[in-house]
Full PDB file with SEQRES, HELIX, SHEET, SSBOND, CRYST1, ORIGX, SCALE, CONECT and MASTER records, all heavy atoms in Angstrom:
SEQRES   1 A   41  GLY SER VAL PRO PHE ASN GLY PHE GLN ARG TYR GLN VAL          
SEQRES   2 A   41  ARG ARG GLY ASP THR TRP SER ALA LEU ALA SER ARG PHE          
SEQRES   3 A   41  ASP THR PRO VAL ASP VAL LEU LYS ARG ILE ASN ASN ARG          
SEQRES   4 A   41  THR ASN                                                      
HELIX    1 AA1 TRP A   19  ARG A   25  1                                   7    
HELIX    2 AA2 VAL A   30  ILE A   36  1                                   7    
CRYST1    1.000    1.000    1.000  90.00  90.00  90.00 P 1           1          
ORIGX1      1.000000  0.000000  0.000000        0.00000                         
ORIGX2      0.000000  1.000000  0.000000        0.00000                         
ORIGX3      0.000000  0.000000  1.000000        0.00000                         
SCALE1      1.000000  0.000000  0.000000        0.00000                         
SCALE2      0.000000  1.000000  0.000000        0.00000                         
SCALE3      0.000000  0.000000  1.000000        0.00000                         
ATOM      1  N   GLY A   1      17.840   6.413  -0.265  1.00  0.00           N  
ATOM      2  CA  GLY A   1      16.381   6.616  -0.388  1.00  0.00           C  
ATOM      3  C   GLY A   1      15.809   6.374  -1.794  1.00  0.00           C  
ATOM      4  O   GLY A   1      14.615   6.337  -1.974  1.00  0.00           O  
ATOM      5  N   SER A   2      16.689   6.238  -2.811  1.00  0.00           N  
ATOM      6  CA  SER A   2      16.207   6.066  -4.160  1.00  0.00           C  
ATOM      7  C   SER A   2      16.190   4.609  -4.563  1.00  0.00           C  
ATOM      8  O   SER A   2      16.014   4.298  -5.764  1.00  0.00           O  
ATOM      9  CB  SER A   2      17.086   6.858  -5.125  1.00  0.00           C  
ATOM     10  OG  SER A   2      18.398   6.279  -5.226  1.00  0.00           O  
ATOM     11  N   VAL A   3      16.365   3.706  -3.639  1.00  0.00           N  
ATOM     12  CA  VAL A   3      16.410   2.282  -3.939  1.00  0.00           C  
ATOM     13  C   VAL A   3      15.056   1.833  -4.517  1.00  0.00           C  
ATOM     14  O   VAL A   3      14.022   2.523  -4.337  1.00  0.00           O  
ATOM     15  CB  VAL A   3      16.719   1.436  -2.657  1.00  0.00           C  
ATOM     16  CG1 VAL A   3      18.096   1.729  -2.153  1.00  0.00           C  
ATOM     17  CG2 VAL A   3      15.665   1.687  -1.607  1.00  0.00           C  
ATOM     18  N   PRO A   4      15.055   0.711  -5.247  1.00  0.00           N  
ATOM     19  CA  PRO A   4      13.806   0.262  -5.835  1.00  0.00           C  
ATOM     20  C   PRO A   4      12.648   0.152  -4.808  1.00  0.00           C  
ATOM     21  O   PRO A   4      12.925  -0.131  -3.654  1.00  0.00           O  
ATOM     22  CB  PRO A   4      14.161  -1.138  -6.339  1.00  0.00           C  
ATOM     23  CG  PRO A   4      15.621  -1.021  -6.686  1.00  0.00           C  
ATOM     24  CD  PRO A   4      16.192  -0.142  -5.602  1.00  0.00           C  
ATOM     25  N   PHE A   5      11.465   0.399  -5.260  1.00  0.00           N  
ATOM     26  CA  PHE A   5      10.272   0.401  -4.488  1.00  0.00           C  
ATOM     27  C   PHE A   5      10.131   1.523  -3.501  1.00  0.00           C  
ATOM     28  O   PHE A   5       9.327   1.501  -2.579  1.00  0.00           O  
ATOM     29  CB  PHE A   5      10.039  -0.959  -3.738  1.00  0.00           C  
ATOM     30  CG  PHE A   5      10.045  -2.142  -4.644  1.00  0.00           C  
ATOM     31  CD1 PHE A   5      11.041  -3.098  -4.599  1.00  0.00           C  
ATOM     32  CD2 PHE A   5       9.026  -2.280  -5.611  1.00  0.00           C  
ATOM     33  CE1 PHE A   5      10.999  -4.189  -5.482  1.00  0.00           C  
ATOM     34  CE2 PHE A   5       9.036  -3.337  -6.477  1.00  0.00           C  
ATOM     35  CZ  PHE A   5      10.023  -4.306  -6.400  1.00  0.00           C  
ATOM     36  N   ASN A   6      10.938   2.576  -3.718  1.00  0.00           N  
ATOM     37  CA  ASN A   6      10.827   3.765  -2.884  1.00  0.00           C  
ATOM     38  C   ASN A   6       9.438   4.414  -3.022  1.00  0.00           C  
ATOM     39  O   ASN A   6       8.983   5.172  -2.161  1.00  0.00           O  
ATOM     40  CB  ASN A   6      11.920   4.759  -3.184  1.00  0.00           C  
ATOM     41  CG  ASN A   6      12.034   5.912  -2.190  1.00  0.00           C  
ATOM     42  OD1 ASN A   6      11.850   5.655  -0.995  1.00  0.00           O  
ATOM     43  ND2 ASN A   6      12.263   7.091  -2.642  1.00  0.00           N  
ATOM     44  N   GLY A   7       8.799   4.158  -4.148  1.00  0.00           N  
ATOM     45  CA  GLY A   7       7.507   4.757  -4.404  1.00  0.00           C  
ATOM     46  C   GLY A   7       6.379   3.898  -3.907  1.00  0.00           C  
ATOM     47  O   GLY A   7       5.220   4.168  -4.230  1.00  0.00           O  
ATOM     48  N   PHE A   8       6.656   2.909  -3.060  1.00  0.00           N  
ATOM     49  CA  PHE A   8       5.630   2.007  -2.544  1.00  0.00           C  
ATOM     50  C   PHE A   8       5.555   2.113  -1.002  1.00  0.00           C  
ATOM     51  O   PHE A   8       6.489   2.556  -0.349  1.00  0.00           O  
ATOM     52  CB  PHE A   8       5.942   0.573  -2.953  1.00  0.00           C  
ATOM     53  CG  PHE A   8       5.783   0.340  -4.414  1.00  0.00           C  
ATOM     54  CD1 PHE A   8       6.763   0.717  -5.299  1.00  0.00           C  
ATOM     55  CD2 PHE A   8       4.660  -0.301  -4.935  1.00  0.00           C  
ATOM     56  CE1 PHE A   8       6.654   0.535  -6.648  1.00  0.00           C  
ATOM     57  CE2 PHE A   8       4.514  -0.489  -6.258  1.00  0.00           C  
ATOM     58  CZ  PHE A   8       5.510  -0.092  -7.153  1.00  0.00           C  
ATOM     59  N   GLN A   9       4.433   1.622  -0.489  1.00  0.00           N  
ATOM     60  CA  GLN A   9       4.294   1.534   0.960  1.00  0.00           C  
ATOM     61  C   GLN A   9       4.093   0.067   1.330  1.00  0.00           C  
ATOM     62  O   GLN A   9       3.588  -0.734   0.568  1.00  0.00           O  
ATOM     63  CB  GLN A   9       3.010   2.320   1.371  1.00  0.00           C  
ATOM     64  CG  GLN A   9       3.074   3.773   1.060  1.00  0.00           C  
ATOM     65  CD  GLN A   9       3.982   4.541   1.968  1.00  0.00           C  
ATOM     66  OE1 GLN A   9       4.436   4.037   2.976  1.00  0.00           O  
ATOM     67  NE2 GLN A   9       4.275   5.800   1.605  1.00  0.00           N  
ATOM     68  N   ARG A  10       4.551  -0.231   2.586  1.00  0.00           N  
ATOM     69  CA  ARG A  10       4.286  -1.581   3.081  1.00  0.00           C  
ATOM     70  C   ARG A  10       2.888  -1.619   3.683  1.00  0.00           C  
ATOM     71  O   ARG A  10       2.471  -0.719   4.384  1.00  0.00           O  
ATOM     72  CB  ARG A  10       5.320  -1.973   4.154  1.00  0.00           C  
ATOM     73  CG  ARG A  10       6.686  -2.215   3.584  1.00  0.00           C  
ATOM     74  CD  ARG A  10       7.649  -2.813   4.626  1.00  0.00           C  
ATOM     75  NE  ARG A  10       8.955  -3.035   4.033  1.00  0.00           N  
ATOM     76  CZ  ARG A  10       9.290  -4.087   3.339  1.00  0.00           C  
ATOM     77  NH1 ARG A  10       8.410  -5.045   3.145  1.00  0.00           N  
ATOM     78  NH2 ARG A  10      10.485  -4.223   2.837  1.00  0.00           N  
ATOM     79  N   TYR A  11       2.165  -2.679   3.387  1.00  0.00           N  
ATOM     80  CA  TYR A  11       0.806  -2.816   3.889  1.00  0.00           C  
ATOM     81  C   TYR A  11       0.690  -4.128   4.633  1.00  0.00           C  
ATOM     82  O   TYR A  11       1.114  -5.200   4.122  1.00  0.00           O  
ATOM     83  CB  TYR A  11      -0.192  -2.791   2.711  1.00  0.00           C  
ATOM     84  CG  TYR A  11      -1.591  -3.116   3.137  1.00  0.00           C  
ATOM     85  CD1 TYR A  11      -2.424  -2.137   3.665  1.00  0.00           C  
ATOM     86  CD2 TYR A  11      -2.126  -4.429   2.971  1.00  0.00           C  
ATOM     87  CE1 TYR A  11      -3.727  -2.451   4.047  1.00  0.00           C  
ATOM     88  CE2 TYR A  11      -3.418  -4.726   3.348  1.00  0.00           C  
ATOM     89  CZ  TYR A  11      -4.202  -3.715   3.907  1.00  0.00           C  
ATOM     90  OH  TYR A  11      -5.482  -4.016   4.261  1.00  0.00           O  
ATOM     91  N   GLN A  12       0.130  -4.066   5.873  1.00  0.00           N  
ATOM     92  CA  GLN A  12      -0.008  -5.277   6.668  1.00  0.00           C  
ATOM     93  C   GLN A  12      -1.359  -5.947   6.400  1.00  0.00           C  
ATOM     94  O   GLN A  12      -2.400  -5.318   6.513  1.00  0.00           O  
ATOM     95  CB  GLN A  12       0.112  -4.967   8.176  1.00  0.00           C  
ATOM     96  CG  GLN A  12       0.262  -6.187   9.037  1.00  0.00           C  
ATOM     97  CD  GLN A  12       0.613  -5.822  10.489  1.00  0.00           C  
ATOM     98  OE1 GLN A  12       0.041  -4.869  11.019  1.00  0.00           O  
ATOM     99  NE2 GLN A  12       1.541  -6.519  11.084  1.00  0.00           N  
ATOM    100  N   VAL A  13      -1.277  -7.179   5.991  1.00  0.00           N  
ATOM    101  CA  VAL A  13      -2.498  -7.900   5.614  1.00  0.00           C  
ATOM    102  C   VAL A  13      -3.391  -8.125   6.793  1.00  0.00           C  
ATOM    103  O   VAL A  13      -2.940  -8.520   7.890  1.00  0.00           O  
ATOM    104  CB  VAL A  13      -2.145  -9.264   4.944  1.00  0.00           C  
ATOM    105  CG1 VAL A  13      -3.380 -10.080   4.625  1.00  0.00           C  
ATOM    106  CG2 VAL A  13      -1.309  -9.067   3.674  1.00  0.00           C  
ATOM    107  N   ARG A  14      -4.717  -7.823   6.585  1.00  0.00           N  
ATOM    108  CA  ARG A  14      -5.699  -7.999   7.633  1.00  0.00           C  
ATOM    109  C   ARG A  14      -6.697  -9.079   7.272  1.00  0.00           C  
ATOM    110  O   ARG A  14      -6.720  -9.553   6.137  1.00  0.00           O  
ATOM    111  CB  ARG A  14      -6.428  -6.665   7.861  1.00  0.00           C  
ATOM    112  CG  ARG A  14      -5.536  -5.482   8.243  1.00  0.00           C  
ATOM    113  CD  ARG A  14      -6.395  -4.274   8.644  1.00  0.00           C  
ATOM    114  NE  ARG A  14      -7.061  -3.722   7.462  1.00  0.00           N  
ATOM    115  CZ  ARG A  14      -6.764  -2.563   6.952  1.00  0.00           C  
ATOM    116  NH1 ARG A  14      -5.772  -1.854   7.451  1.00  0.00           N  
ATOM    117  NH2 ARG A  14      -7.450  -2.093   5.891  1.00  0.00           N  
ATOM    118  N   ARG A  15      -7.523  -9.466   8.249  1.00  0.00           N  
ATOM    119  CA  ARG A  15      -8.522 -10.474   8.044  1.00  0.00           C  
ATOM    120  C   ARG A  15      -9.449 -10.067   6.932  1.00  0.00           C  
ATOM    121  O   ARG A  15      -9.936  -8.889   6.859  1.00  0.00           O  
ATOM    122  CB  ARG A  15      -9.315 -10.684   9.343  1.00  0.00           C  
ATOM    123  CG  ARG A  15     -10.368 -11.858   9.210  1.00  0.00           C  
ATOM    124  CD  ARG A  15     -11.091 -11.998  10.538  1.00  0.00           C  
ATOM    125  NE  ARG A  15     -10.190 -12.302  11.611  1.00  0.00           N  
ATOM    126  CZ  ARG A  15      -9.737 -13.491  11.927  1.00  0.00           C  
ATOM    127  NH1 ARG A  15     -10.062 -14.550  11.187  1.00  0.00           N  
ATOM    128  NH2 ARG A  15      -8.917 -13.655  12.971  1.00  0.00           N  
ATOM    129  N   GLY A  16      -9.705 -10.953   5.994  1.00  0.00           N  
ATOM    130  CA  GLY A  16     -10.587 -10.691   4.858  1.00  0.00           C  
ATOM    131  C   GLY A  16      -9.891 -10.170   3.608  1.00  0.00           C  
ATOM    132  O   GLY A  16     -10.513 -10.084   2.556  1.00  0.00           O  
ATOM    133  N   ASP A  17      -8.624  -9.824   3.742  1.00  0.00           N  
ATOM    134  CA  ASP A  17      -7.872  -9.330   2.584  1.00  0.00           C  
ATOM    135  C   ASP A  17      -7.606 -10.421   1.611  1.00  0.00           C  
ATOM    136  O   ASP A  17      -7.253 -11.569   1.954  1.00  0.00           O  
ATOM    137  CB  ASP A  17      -6.542  -8.702   2.987  1.00  0.00           C  
ATOM    138  CG  ASP A  17      -6.691  -7.291   3.505  1.00  0.00           C  
ATOM    139  OD1 ASP A  17      -7.703  -6.640   3.204  1.00  0.00           O  
ATOM    140  OD2 ASP A  17      -5.794  -6.826   4.230  1.00  0.00           O  
ATOM    141  N   THR A  18      -7.765 -10.157   0.329  1.00  0.00           N  
ATOM    142  CA  THR A  18      -7.405 -11.061  -0.760  1.00  0.00           C  
ATOM    143  C   THR A  18      -6.669 -10.191  -1.817  1.00  0.00           C  
ATOM    144  O   THR A  18      -6.683  -8.974  -1.753  1.00  0.00           O  
ATOM    145  CB  THR A  18      -8.632 -11.703  -1.452  1.00  0.00           C  
ATOM    146  OG1 THR A  18      -9.422 -10.658  -2.024  1.00  0.00           O  
ATOM    147  CG2 THR A  18      -9.458 -12.468  -0.430  1.00  0.00           C  
ATOM    148  N   TRP A  19      -6.016 -10.831  -2.787  1.00  0.00           N  
ATOM    149  CA  TRP A  19      -5.337 -10.087  -3.837  1.00  0.00           C  
ATOM    150  C   TRP A  19      -6.388  -9.261  -4.606  1.00  0.00           C  
ATOM    151  O   TRP A  19      -6.088  -8.108  -4.959  1.00  0.00           O  
ATOM    152  CB  TRP A  19      -4.645 -11.029  -4.795  1.00  0.00           C  
ATOM    153  CG  TRP A  19      -3.359 -11.614  -4.205  1.00  0.00           C  
ATOM    154  CD1 TRP A  19      -3.110 -12.932  -3.925  1.00  0.00           C  
ATOM    155  CD2 TRP A  19      -2.162 -10.912  -3.859  1.00  0.00           C  
ATOM    156  NE1 TRP A  19      -1.846 -13.092  -3.412  1.00  0.00           N  
ATOM    157  CE2 TRP A  19      -1.252 -11.849  -3.405  1.00  0.00           C  
ATOM    158  CE3 TRP A  19      -1.774  -9.583  -3.952  1.00  0.00           C  
ATOM    159  CZ2 TRP A  19       0.029 -11.513  -2.971  1.00  0.00           C  
ATOM    160  CZ3 TRP A  19      -0.505  -9.239  -3.554  1.00  0.00           C  
ATOM    161  CH2 TRP A  19       0.376 -10.187  -3.048  1.00  0.00           C  
ATOM    162  N   SER A  20      -7.523  -9.794  -4.824  1.00  0.00           N  
ATOM    163  CA  SER A  20      -8.575  -9.032  -5.550  1.00  0.00           C  
ATOM    164  C   SER A  20      -9.020  -7.804  -4.760  1.00  0.00           C  
ATOM    165  O   SER A  20      -9.225  -6.723  -5.320  1.00  0.00           O  
ATOM    166  CB  SER A  20      -9.780  -9.948  -5.854  1.00  0.00           C  
ATOM    167  OG  SER A  20      -9.436 -10.996  -6.726  1.00  0.00           O  
ATOM    168  N   ALA A  21      -9.169  -8.018  -3.435  1.00  0.00           N  
ATOM    169  CA  ALA A  21      -9.589  -6.892  -2.612  1.00  0.00           C  
ATOM    170  C   ALA A  21      -8.530  -5.800  -2.574  1.00  0.00           C  
ATOM    171  O   ALA A  21      -8.840  -4.577  -2.643  1.00  0.00           O  
ATOM    172  CB  ALA A  21      -9.863  -7.359  -1.174  1.00  0.00           C  
ATOM    173  N   LEU A  22      -7.264  -6.185  -2.520  1.00  0.00           N  
ATOM    174  CA  LEU A  22      -6.180  -5.230  -2.532  1.00  0.00           C  
ATOM    175  C   LEU A  22      -6.097  -4.510  -3.868  1.00  0.00           C  
ATOM    176  O   LEU A  22      -5.810  -3.308  -3.954  1.00  0.00           O  
ATOM    177  CB  LEU A  22      -4.834  -5.896  -2.200  1.00  0.00           C  
ATOM    178  CG  LEU A  22      -4.693  -6.447  -0.763  1.00  0.00           C  
ATOM    179  CD1 LEU A  22      -3.295  -7.072  -0.620  1.00  0.00           C  
ATOM    180  CD2 LEU A  22      -4.879  -5.364   0.241  1.00  0.00           C  
ATOM    181  N   ALA A  23      -6.285  -5.280  -4.936  1.00  0.00           N  
ATOM    182  CA  ALA A  23      -6.289  -4.684  -6.283  1.00  0.00           C  
ATOM    183  C   ALA A  23      -7.332  -3.612  -6.414  1.00  0.00           C  
ATOM    184  O   ALA A  23      -7.059  -2.533  -6.977  1.00  0.00           O  
ATOM    185  CB  ALA A  23      -6.502  -5.779  -7.345  1.00  0.00           C  
ATOM    186  N   SER A  24      -8.521  -3.883  -5.892  1.00  0.00           N  
ATOM    187  CA  SER A  24      -9.583  -2.918  -5.934  1.00  0.00           C  
ATOM    188  C   SER A  24      -9.312  -1.675  -5.077  1.00  0.00           C  
ATOM    189  O   SER A  24      -9.474  -0.535  -5.436  1.00  0.00           O  
ATOM    190  CB  SER A  24     -10.901  -3.534  -5.510  1.00  0.00           C  
ATOM    191  OG  SER A  24     -11.954  -2.558  -5.481  1.00  0.00           O  
ATOM    192  N   ARG A  25      -8.738  -1.916  -3.871  1.00  0.00           N  
ATOM    193  CA  ARG A  25      -8.482  -0.826  -2.936  1.00  0.00           C  
ATOM    194  C   ARG A  25      -7.406   0.111  -3.432  1.00  0.00           C  
ATOM    195  O   ARG A  25      -7.504   1.299  -3.259  1.00  0.00           O  
ATOM    196  CB  ARG A  25      -8.065  -1.447  -1.557  1.00  0.00           C  
ATOM    197  CG  ARG A  25      -7.863  -0.397  -0.474  1.00  0.00           C  
ATOM    198  CD  ARG A  25      -7.491  -1.095   0.836  1.00  0.00           C  
ATOM    199  NE  ARG A  25      -8.445  -2.154   1.166  1.00  0.00           N  
ATOM    200  CZ  ARG A  25      -8.220  -3.090   2.105  1.00  0.00           C  
ATOM    201  NH1 ARG A  25      -7.078  -3.055   2.775  1.00  0.00           N  
ATOM    202  NH2 ARG A  25      -9.134  -4.005   2.333  1.00  0.00           N  
ATOM    203  N   PHE A  26      -6.359  -0.457  -4.083  1.00  0.00           N  
ATOM    204  CA  PHE A  26      -5.247   0.370  -4.509  1.00  0.00           C  
ATOM    205  C   PHE A  26      -5.280   0.598  -6.020  1.00  0.00           C  
ATOM    206  O   PHE A  26      -4.301   1.102  -6.595  1.00  0.00           O  
ATOM    207  CB  PHE A  26      -3.928  -0.299  -4.094  1.00  0.00           C  
ATOM    208  CG  PHE A  26      -3.703  -0.332  -2.626  1.00  0.00           C  
ATOM    209  CD1 PHE A  26      -3.974  -1.527  -1.880  1.00  0.00           C  
ATOM    210  CD2 PHE A  26      -3.352   0.777  -1.941  1.00  0.00           C  
ATOM    211  CE1 PHE A  26      -3.846  -1.566  -0.547  1.00  0.00           C  
ATOM    212  CE2 PHE A  26      -3.157   0.740  -0.526  1.00  0.00           C  
ATOM    213  CZ  PHE A  26      -3.445  -0.449   0.166  1.00  0.00           C  
ATOM    214  N   ASP A  27      -6.396   0.270  -6.676  1.00  0.00           N  
ATOM    215  CA  ASP A  27      -6.560   0.535  -8.114  1.00  0.00           C  
ATOM    216  C   ASP A  27      -5.409   0.005  -8.935  1.00  0.00           C  
ATOM    217  O   ASP A  27      -4.793   0.716  -9.751  1.00  0.00           O  
ATOM    218  CB  ASP A  27      -6.764   2.054  -8.348  1.00  0.00           C  
ATOM    219  CG  ASP A  27      -7.173   2.367  -9.780  1.00  0.00           C  
ATOM    220  OD1 ASP A  27      -7.802   1.497 -10.388  1.00  0.00           O  
ATOM    221  OD2 ASP A  27      -6.852   3.490 -10.237  1.00  0.00           O  
ATOM    222  N   THR A  28      -5.039  -1.247  -8.643  1.00  0.00           N  
ATOM    223  CA  THR A  28      -3.904  -1.859  -9.270  1.00  0.00           C  
ATOM    224  C   THR A  28      -4.275  -3.297  -9.702  1.00  0.00           C  
ATOM    225  O   THR A  28      -4.832  -4.038  -8.923  1.00  0.00           O  
ATOM    226  CB  THR A  28      -2.685  -1.957  -8.333  1.00  0.00           C  
ATOM    227  OG1 THR A  28      -2.460  -0.622  -7.773  1.00  0.00           O  
ATOM    228  CG2 THR A  28      -1.438  -2.410  -9.005  1.00  0.00           C  
ATOM    229  N   PRO A  29      -3.977  -3.723 -10.954  1.00  0.00           N  
ATOM    230  CA  PRO A  29      -4.279  -5.072 -11.383  1.00  0.00           C  
ATOM    231  C   PRO A  29      -3.649  -6.126 -10.460  1.00  0.00           C  
ATOM    232  O   PRO A  29      -2.541  -5.935  -9.936  1.00  0.00           O  
ATOM    233  CB  PRO A  29      -3.722  -5.141 -12.804  1.00  0.00           C  
ATOM    234  CG  PRO A  29      -3.685  -3.747 -13.246  1.00  0.00           C  
ATOM    235  CD  PRO A  29      -3.370  -2.911 -12.050  1.00  0.00           C  
ATOM    236  N   VAL A  30      -4.353  -7.236 -10.286  1.00  0.00           N  
ATOM    237  CA  VAL A  30      -3.844  -8.341  -9.430  1.00  0.00           C  
ATOM    238  C   VAL A  30      -2.482  -8.793  -9.862  1.00  0.00           C  
ATOM    239  O   VAL A  30      -1.581  -9.016  -9.048  1.00  0.00           O  
ATOM    240  CB  VAL A  30      -4.851  -9.521  -9.436  1.00  0.00           C  
ATOM    241  CG1 VAL A  30      -4.251 -10.732  -8.724  1.00  0.00           C  
ATOM    242  CG2 VAL A  30      -6.153  -9.088  -8.703  1.00  0.00           C  
ATOM    243  N   ASP A  31      -2.290  -8.986 -11.199  1.00  0.00           N  
ATOM    244  CA  ASP A  31      -0.983  -9.505 -11.652  1.00  0.00           C  
ATOM    245  C   ASP A  31       0.127  -8.536 -11.390  1.00  0.00           C  
ATOM    246  O   ASP A  31       1.277  -8.928 -11.179  1.00  0.00           O  
ATOM    247  CB  ASP A  31      -1.055  -9.850 -13.152  1.00  0.00           C  
ATOM    248  CG  ASP A  31      -1.339  -8.677 -14.017  1.00  0.00           C  
ATOM    249  OD1 ASP A  31      -1.978  -7.723 -13.579  1.00  0.00           O  
ATOM    250  OD2 ASP A  31      -0.865  -8.664 -15.185  1.00  0.00           O  
ATOM    251  N   VAL A  32      -0.194  -7.227 -11.382  1.00  0.00           N  
ATOM    252  CA  VAL A  32       0.849  -6.248 -11.072  1.00  0.00           C  
ATOM    253  C   VAL A  32       1.226  -6.336  -9.587  1.00  0.00           C  
ATOM    254  O   VAL A  32       2.405  -6.323  -9.209  1.00  0.00           O  
ATOM    255  CB  VAL A  32       0.377  -4.835 -11.418  1.00  0.00           C  
ATOM    256  CG1 VAL A  32       1.390  -3.765 -10.946  1.00  0.00           C  
ATOM    257  CG2 VAL A  32       0.159  -4.700 -12.896  1.00  0.00           C  
ATOM    258  N   LEU A  33       0.234  -6.425  -8.701  1.00  0.00           N  
ATOM    259  CA  LEU A  33       0.515  -6.575  -7.278  1.00  0.00           C  
ATOM    260  C   LEU A  33       1.375  -7.818  -7.010  1.00  0.00           C  
ATOM    261  O   LEU A  33       2.297  -7.780  -6.226  1.00  0.00           O  
ATOM    262  CB  LEU A  33      -0.785  -6.659  -6.502  1.00  0.00           C  
ATOM    263  CG  LEU A  33      -1.530  -5.356  -6.238  1.00  0.00           C  
ATOM    264  CD1 LEU A  33      -2.846  -5.624  -5.510  1.00  0.00           C  
ATOM    265  CD2 LEU A  33      -0.664  -4.347  -5.443  1.00  0.00           C  
ATOM    266  N   LYS A  34       1.018  -8.911  -7.681  1.00  0.00           N  
ATOM    267  CA  LYS A  34       1.745 -10.141  -7.472  1.00  0.00           C  
ATOM    268  C   LYS A  34       3.189 -10.024  -7.971  1.00  0.00           C  
ATOM    269  O   LYS A  34       4.158 -10.526  -7.358  1.00  0.00           O  
ATOM    270  CB  LYS A  34       1.049 -11.339  -8.162  1.00  0.00           C  
ATOM    271  CG  LYS A  34      -0.201 -11.783  -7.455  1.00  0.00           C  
ATOM    272  CD  LYS A  34      -0.770 -13.030  -8.154  1.00  0.00           C  
ATOM    273  CE  LYS A  34      -1.922 -13.598  -7.387  1.00  0.00           C  
ATOM    274  NZ  LYS A  34      -2.487 -14.822  -8.020  1.00  0.00           N  
ATOM    275  N   ARG A  35       3.344  -9.339  -9.134  1.00  0.00           N  
ATOM    276  CA  ARG A  35       4.728  -9.184  -9.637  1.00  0.00           C  
ATOM    277  C   ARG A  35       5.590  -8.303  -8.744  1.00  0.00           C  
ATOM    278  O   ARG A  35       6.731  -8.573  -8.521  1.00  0.00           O  
ATOM    279  CB  ARG A  35       4.666  -8.566 -11.099  1.00  0.00           C  
ATOM    280  CG  ARG A  35       6.021  -8.565 -11.761  1.00  0.00           C  
ATOM    281  CD  ARG A  35       5.877  -8.345 -13.275  1.00  0.00           C  
ATOM    282  NE  ARG A  35       5.439  -6.980 -13.595  1.00  0.00           N  
ATOM    283  CZ  ARG A  35       4.242  -6.682 -14.132  1.00  0.00           C  
ATOM    284  NH1 ARG A  35       3.386  -7.646 -14.364  1.00  0.00           N  
ATOM    285  NH2 ARG A  35       3.935  -5.465 -14.410  1.00  0.00           N  
ATOM    286  N   ILE A  36       4.962  -7.235  -8.181  1.00  0.00           N  
ATOM    287  CA  ILE A  36       5.689  -6.405  -7.236  1.00  0.00           C  
ATOM    288  C   ILE A  36       6.226  -7.221  -6.054  1.00  0.00           C  
ATOM    289  O   ILE A  36       7.337  -7.018  -5.601  1.00  0.00           O  
ATOM    290  CB  ILE A  36       4.765  -5.268  -6.698  1.00  0.00           C  
ATOM    291  CG1 ILE A  36       4.422  -4.273  -7.781  1.00  0.00           C  
ATOM    292  CG2 ILE A  36       5.416  -4.551  -5.514  1.00  0.00           C  
ATOM    293  CD1 ILE A  36       3.336  -3.317  -7.401  1.00  0.00           C  
ATOM    294  N   ASN A  37       5.361  -8.161  -5.588  1.00  0.00           N  
ATOM    295  CA  ASN A  37       5.707  -8.933  -4.418  1.00  0.00           C  
ATOM    296  C   ASN A  37       6.280 -10.309  -4.714  1.00  0.00           C  
ATOM    297  O   ASN A  37       6.421 -11.140  -3.815  1.00  0.00           O  
ATOM    298  CB  ASN A  37       4.464  -9.070  -3.544  1.00  0.00           C  
ATOM    299  CG  ASN A  37       4.033  -7.777  -2.915  1.00  0.00           C  
ATOM    300  OD1 ASN A  37       4.576  -7.338  -1.931  1.00  0.00           O  
ATOM    301  ND2 ASN A  37       3.044  -7.092  -3.525  1.00  0.00           N  
ATOM    302  N   ASN A  38       6.622 -10.529  -6.005  1.00  0.00           N  
ATOM    303  CA  ASN A  38       7.220 -11.797  -6.424  1.00  0.00           C  
ATOM    304  C   ASN A  38       6.388 -12.990  -5.986  1.00  0.00           C  
ATOM    305  O   ASN A  38       6.919 -13.983  -5.403  1.00  0.00           O  
ATOM    306  CB  ASN A  38       8.665 -11.889  -5.885  1.00  0.00           C  
ATOM    307  CG  ASN A  38       9.477 -12.995  -6.534  1.00  0.00           C  
ATOM    308  OD1 ASN A  38       9.208 -13.337  -7.699  1.00  0.00           O  
ATOM    309  ND2 ASN A  38      10.437 -13.534  -5.855  1.00  0.00           N  
ATOM    310  N   ARG A  39       5.084 -12.920  -6.190  1.00  0.00           N  
ATOM    311  CA  ARG A  39       4.193 -13.991  -5.835  1.00  0.00           C  
ATOM    312  C   ARG A  39       3.608 -14.659  -7.079  1.00  0.00           C  
ATOM    313  O   ARG A  39       3.332 -14.022  -8.075  1.00  0.00           O  
ATOM    314  CB  ARG A  39       3.016 -13.465  -4.976  1.00  0.00           C  
ATOM    315  CG  ARG A  39       3.468 -12.804  -3.661  1.00  0.00           C  
ATOM    316  CD  ARG A  39       4.010 -13.878  -2.670  1.00  0.00           C  
ATOM    317  NE  ARG A  39       4.275 -13.249  -1.378  1.00  0.00           N  
ATOM    318  CZ  ARG A  39       3.383 -13.080  -0.411  1.00  0.00           C  
ATOM    319  NH1 ARG A  39       2.141 -13.560  -0.624  1.00  0.00           N  
ATOM    320  NH2 ARG A  39       3.674 -12.537   0.690  1.00  0.00           N  
ATOM    321  N   THR A  40       3.362 -15.962  -6.963  1.00  0.00           N  
ATOM    322  CA  THR A  40       2.679 -16.664  -8.054  1.00  0.00           C  
ATOM    323  C   THR A  40       1.406 -17.327  -7.567  1.00  0.00           C  
ATOM    324  O   THR A  40       0.566 -17.722  -8.381  1.00  0.00           O  
ATOM    325  CB  THR A  40       3.615 -17.767  -8.626  1.00  0.00           C  
ATOM    326  OG1 THR A  40       4.023 -18.637  -7.579  1.00  0.00           O  
ATOM    327  CG2 THR A  40       4.814 -17.121  -9.280  1.00  0.00           C  
ATOM    328  N   ASN A  41       1.236 -17.498  -6.215  1.00  0.00           N  
ATOM    329  CA  ASN A  41       0.037 -18.118  -5.708  1.00  0.00           C  
ATOM    330  C   ASN A  41      -0.927 -17.075  -5.164  1.00  0.00           C  
ATOM    331  O   ASN A  41      -0.637 -15.898  -5.133  1.00  0.00           O  
ATOM    332  CB  ASN A  41       0.379 -19.176  -4.632  1.00  0.00           C  
ATOM    333  CG  ASN A  41       1.148 -18.546  -3.443  1.00  0.00           C  
ATOM    334  OD1 ASN A  41       0.845 -17.429  -3.023  1.00  0.00           O  
ATOM    335  ND2 ASN A  41       2.184 -19.268  -2.984  1.00  0.00           N  
TER     336      ASN A  41                                                      
MASTER        0    0    0    2    0    0    0    6  335    1    0    4          
END                                                                             
């Protein structure tokens, strides 16, 4: 239970979601969200 990302939740992307929208909803910078998810695009 202590494996990496234990402090995170999985979120299922819905219609209209963007990285900016998620950043605003979860109060987290876009680049941080992308780094968490190993995304560059």
